[in-house]
C-alpha cells in the first residue's frame, strides 16, 4: 500500500493538489466530470428542454441561496464538523460552493441562467453567480477544445490554481470577488478559446 501511495504522490496532479490550500482539486475534477456528462447528454438528445429537471435544480439552488445569509454560522459550524472536510484540510466554504455549483450545470447548459439572476441579485449574491458563470463557461470551453484527458487535467489544474486564491467565505456570504481574481479568471477563459 505504501508503494502505491508513493507512486500517487509523484504524479503532477497530486503535487499540484498538495499546493492548493483552499480548494480540493479532486472536487474540481468531479465538478468538471459532472458538467461534462451533462454536456455530452445535451449533445445526444433532441432539443427539448427538460423542464422538470430544470425546475428541480432551480428549487435546489433557491433553497441553498435563501438559507445562506440567515444561517451562516450554523452552516459553517456543520461544515466544520464534517469529518471528511476536516481530513481534507481545505476551506470549508469551498465545499459549500461545490454543493451549490453542482446544481447549476443543467441550468447553464439549457440556457436558463437568466432565471438565477434575480434570485442571486435579490439575496446579495451577484458575484457568486458571476463566479459560477465563469466556471461553467470555463468547463464548456475545456469540453469544446480538449479531447485529450491529460490536456483537460492541465486546464483544470490551471483553473484550480486561480480559484484557489478566492476567499470562499467572503465570496459566498459577503459577495466579495476581488478584481485580480476576476482578471485571472477572464485570462484563463481567453486562453481556453
Protein backbone atom coordinates (compact mmCIF):
# COMPACT_ATOMS: atom_id res chain seq x y z
CA UNK A 1 0.00 0.00 0.00
CA UNK A 2 2.83 2.41 0.84
CA UNK A 3 4.42 1.79 -2.55
CA UNK A 4 1.18 2.68 -4.35
CA UNK A 5 0.79 5.87 -2.29
CA UNK A 6 4.38 6.85 -3.14
CA UNK A 7 3.58 6.43 -6.83
CA UNK A 8 0.47 8.58 -6.44
CA UNK A 9 2.45 11.25 -4.56
CA UNK A 10 4.82 11.56 -7.51
CA UNK A 11 2.12 12.41 -10.07
CA UNK A 12 1.85 16.01 -11.23
CA UNK A 13 -1.84 16.02 -10.27
CA UNK A 14 -1.06 15.11 -6.65
CA UNK A 15 1.89 17.51 -6.41
CA UNK A 16 -0.23 20.41 -7.64
CA UNK A 17 -3.15 19.30 -5.48
CA UNK A 18 -0.98 19.38 -2.36
CA UNK A 19 -0.01 23.01 -3.09
CA UNK A 20 -3.62 24.19 -3.13
CA UNK A 21 -4.71 25.36 0.30
CA UNK A 22 -8.30 26.48 -0.30
CA UNK A 23 -9.72 24.03 -2.81
CA UNK A 24 -9.64 20.33 -3.37
CA UNK A 25 -8.54 19.60 -6.93
CA UNK A 26 -10.33 16.24 -6.87
CA UNK A 27 -13.61 18.06 -6.16
CA UNK A 28 -12.94 20.48 -9.02
CA UNK A 29 -12.29 17.50 -11.27
CA UNK A 30 -15.54 15.85 -10.12
CA UNK A 31 -17.40 19.10 -10.88
CA UNK A 32 -15.94 19.09 -14.38
CA UNK A 33 -16.86 15.43 -14.91
CA UNK A 34 -20.44 16.13 -13.82
CA UNK A 35 -20.61 19.15 -16.14
CA UNK A 36 -19.06 17.17 -19.00
CA UNK A 37 -21.51 14.29 -18.54
CA UNK A 38 -24.44 16.73 -18.73
CA UNK A 39 -22.87 18.39 -21.76
CA UNK A 40 -22.49 15.07 -23.58
CA UNK A 41 -26.11 14.18 -22.82
CA UNK A 42 -27.22 17.57 -24.18
CA UNK A 43 -25.46 16.90 -27.49
CA UNK A 44 -27.10 13.48 -27.82
CA UNK A 45 -30.72 14.24 -27.02
CA UNK A 46 -33.26 16.13 -29.03
CA UNK A 47 -33.61 19.84 -28.47
CA UNK A 48 -36.42 19.55 -25.93
CA UNK A 49 -35.75 21.28 -22.64
CA UNK A 50 -36.06 19.05 -19.54
CA UNK A 51 -38.43 21.36 -17.70
CA UNK A 52 -38.90 19.16 -14.63
CA UNK A 53 -35.15 18.69 -14.18
CA UNK A 54 -34.54 22.42 -14.54
CA UNK A 55 -37.34 23.20 -12.10
CA UNK A 56 -35.82 20.78 -9.57
CA UNK A 57 -32.33 22.29 -9.97
CA UNK A 58 -33.70 25.82 -9.67
CA UNK A 59 -35.52 24.92 -6.44
CA UNK A 60 -32.37 23.27 -5.07
CA UNK A 61 -30.27 26.37 -5.80
CA UNK A 62 -33.02 28.69 -4.49
CA UNK A 63 -33.25 26.81 -1.22
CA UNK A 64 -29.48 26.97 -0.70
CA UNK A 65 -29.19 30.67 -1.58
CA UNK A 66 -32.15 31.71 0.58
CA UNK A 67 -30.68 29.89 3.60
CA UNK A 68 -27.15 31.29 3.24
CA UNK A 69 -27.34 34.67 4.96
CA UNK A 70 -29.80 33.73 7.67
CA UNK A 71 -27.92 30.58 8.66
CA UNK A 72 -24.27 31.49 8.06
CA UNK A 73 -22.92 30.50 11.47
CA UNK A 74 -24.92 27.28 11.57
CA UNK A 75 -23.85 26.30 8.03
CA UNK A 76 -20.17 26.91 8.77
CA UNK A 77 -20.44 25.01 12.06
CA UNK A 78 -22.00 21.99 10.30
CA UNK A 79 -19.32 22.08 7.60
CA UNK A 80 -16.54 22.23 10.19
CA UNK A 81 -17.99 19.20 11.94
CA UNK A 82 -17.89 17.16 8.74
CA UNK A 83 -15.11 14.63 9.25
CA UNK A 84 -14.33 14.26 5.55
CA UNK A 85 -13.95 18.02 5.07
CA UNK A 86 -11.69 18.26 8.13
CA UNK A 87 -9.46 15.48 6.85
CA UNK A 88 -9.00 17.28 3.53
CA UNK A 89 -7.90 20.46 5.30
CA UNK A 90 -9.29 22.86 2.70
CA UNK A 91 -11.63 25.85 3.01
CA UNK A 92 -14.93 24.62 4.41
CA UNK A 93 -16.76 27.18 2.29
CA UNK A 94 -15.24 25.71 -0.89
CA UNK A 95 -17.31 22.60 -0.18
CA UNK A 96 -20.43 24.76 0.23
CA UNK A 97 -19.69 26.37 -3.14
CA UNK A 98 -19.20 22.85 -4.56
CA UNK A 99 -22.69 21.84 -3.41
CA UNK A 100 -24.23 24.94 -4.99
CA UNK A 101 -22.47 24.78 -8.35
CA UNK A 102 -23.34 21.12 -8.89
CA UNK A 103 -26.96 22.23 -9.18
CA UNK A 104 -26.24 24.87 -11.83
CA UNK A 105 -24.84 22.80 -14.69
CA UNK A 106 -28.13 21.90 -16.38
CA UNK A 107 -29.45 25.41 -15.81
CA UNK A 108 -26.38 26.78 -17.61
CA UNK A 109 -26.34 24.20 -20.40
CA UNK A 110 -30.01 24.65 -21.26
CA UNK A 111 -29.63 28.45 -21.41
CA UNK A 112 -31.80 29.08 -18.35
CA UNK A 113 -29.13 31.08 -16.48
CA UNK A 114 -31.24 34.25 -16.55
CA UNK A 115 -33.65 32.58 -14.12
CA UNK A 116 -30.91 32.74 -11.48
CA UNK A 117 -30.01 36.41 -11.91
CA UNK A 118 -32.93 37.92 -10.00
CA UNK A 119 -32.72 35.31 -7.22
CA UNK A 120 -29.00 35.91 -6.63
CA UNK A 121 -29.26 39.68 -7.02
CA UNK A 122 -32.12 39.96 -4.51
CA UNK A 123 -30.17 37.89 -1.99
CA UNK A 124 -26.93 39.86 -2.45
CA UNK A 125 -25.01 37.12 -4.25
CA UNK A 126 -24.30 38.78 -7.60
CA UNK A 127 -20.57 37.97 -7.60
CA UNK A 128 -21.16 34.40 -6.50
CA UNK A 129 -23.43 33.93 -9.53
CA UNK A 130 -20.87 35.66 -11.75
CA UNK A 131 -18.13 33.37 -10.46
CA UNK A 132 -20.22 30.26 -11.07
CA UNK A 133 -20.99 31.52 -14.57
CA UNK A 134 -17.24 31.85 -15.23
CA UNK A 135 -16.68 28.29 -14.00
CA UNK A 136 -19.48 26.94 -16.21
CA UNK A 137 -18.05 28.84 -19.20
CA UNK A 138 -14.53 27.54 -18.48
CA UNK A 139 -15.83 23.97 -18.20
CA UNK A 140 -17.65 24.36 -21.52
CA UNK A 141 -14.51 25.69 -23.21
CA UNK A 142 -12.45 22.80 -21.85
CA UNK A 143 -15.07 20.34 -23.10
CA UNK A 144 -15.21 22.03 -26.53
CA UNK A 145 -11.47 22.39 -27.04
CA UNK A 146 -9.95 19.33 -25.41
CA UNK A 147 -10.29 15.72 -26.46
CA UNK A 148 -7.13 14.65 -24.63
CA UNK A 149 -7.66 13.80 -20.96
CA UNK A 150 -4.17 14.97 -19.96
CA UNK A 151 -4.82 18.39 -21.53
CA UNK A 152 -8.14 18.57 -19.69
CA UNK A 153 -6.30 17.88 -16.43
CA UNK A 154 -3.77 20.62 -17.19
CA UNK A 155 -6.61 23.08 -17.82
CA UNK A 156 -8.32 22.02 -14.59
CA UNK A 157 -5.07 22.39 -12.65
CA UNK A 158 -4.60 25.90 -14.09
CA UNK A 159 -8.18 26.76 -13.21
CA UNK A 160 -7.64 25.31 -9.73
CA UNK A 161 -4.56 27.48 -9.18
CA UNK A 162 -6.59 30.58 -9.97
CA UNK A 163 -9.68 29.77 -7.93
CA UNK A 164 -7.53 28.60 -5.01
CA UNK A 165 -6.87 32.29 -4.28
CA UNK A 166 -10.52 33.00 -3.60
CA UNK A 167 -11.77 33.52 -0.07
CA UNK A 168 -14.89 31.37 -0.43
CA UNK A 169 -16.40 32.56 2.84
CA UNK A 170 -16.25 36.18 1.65
CA UNK A 171 -17.48 35.25 -1.83
CA UNK A 172 -20.46 33.26 -0.57
CA UNK A 173 -21.53 35.26 2.47
CA UNK A 174 -20.28 38.80 1.69
CA UNK A 175 -20.37 38.69 -2.14
CA UNK A 176 -16.72 39.77 -2.45
CA UNK A 177 -14.88 38.65 -5.58
CA UNK A 178 -11.54 40.50 -5.96
CA UNK A 179 -10.81 42.21 -9.28
CA UNK A 180 -7.44 40.44 -9.50
CA UNK A 181 -9.12 37.02 -9.44
CA UNK A 182 -11.73 38.17 -11.96
CA UNK A 183 -8.94 39.26 -14.30
CA UNK A 184 -7.05 35.98 -13.93
CA UNK A 185 -10.28 34.02 -14.49
CA UNK A 186 -11.01 36.02 -17.63
CA UNK A 187 -7.44 35.49 -18.88
CA UNK A 188 -7.76 31.73 -18.38
CA UNK A 189 -11.08 31.82 -20.22
CA UNK A 190 -9.44 33.64 -23.14
CA UNK A 191 -6.61 31.08 -23.10
CA UNK A 192 -9.18 28.29 -23.46
CA UNK A 193 -10.76 29.86 -26.58
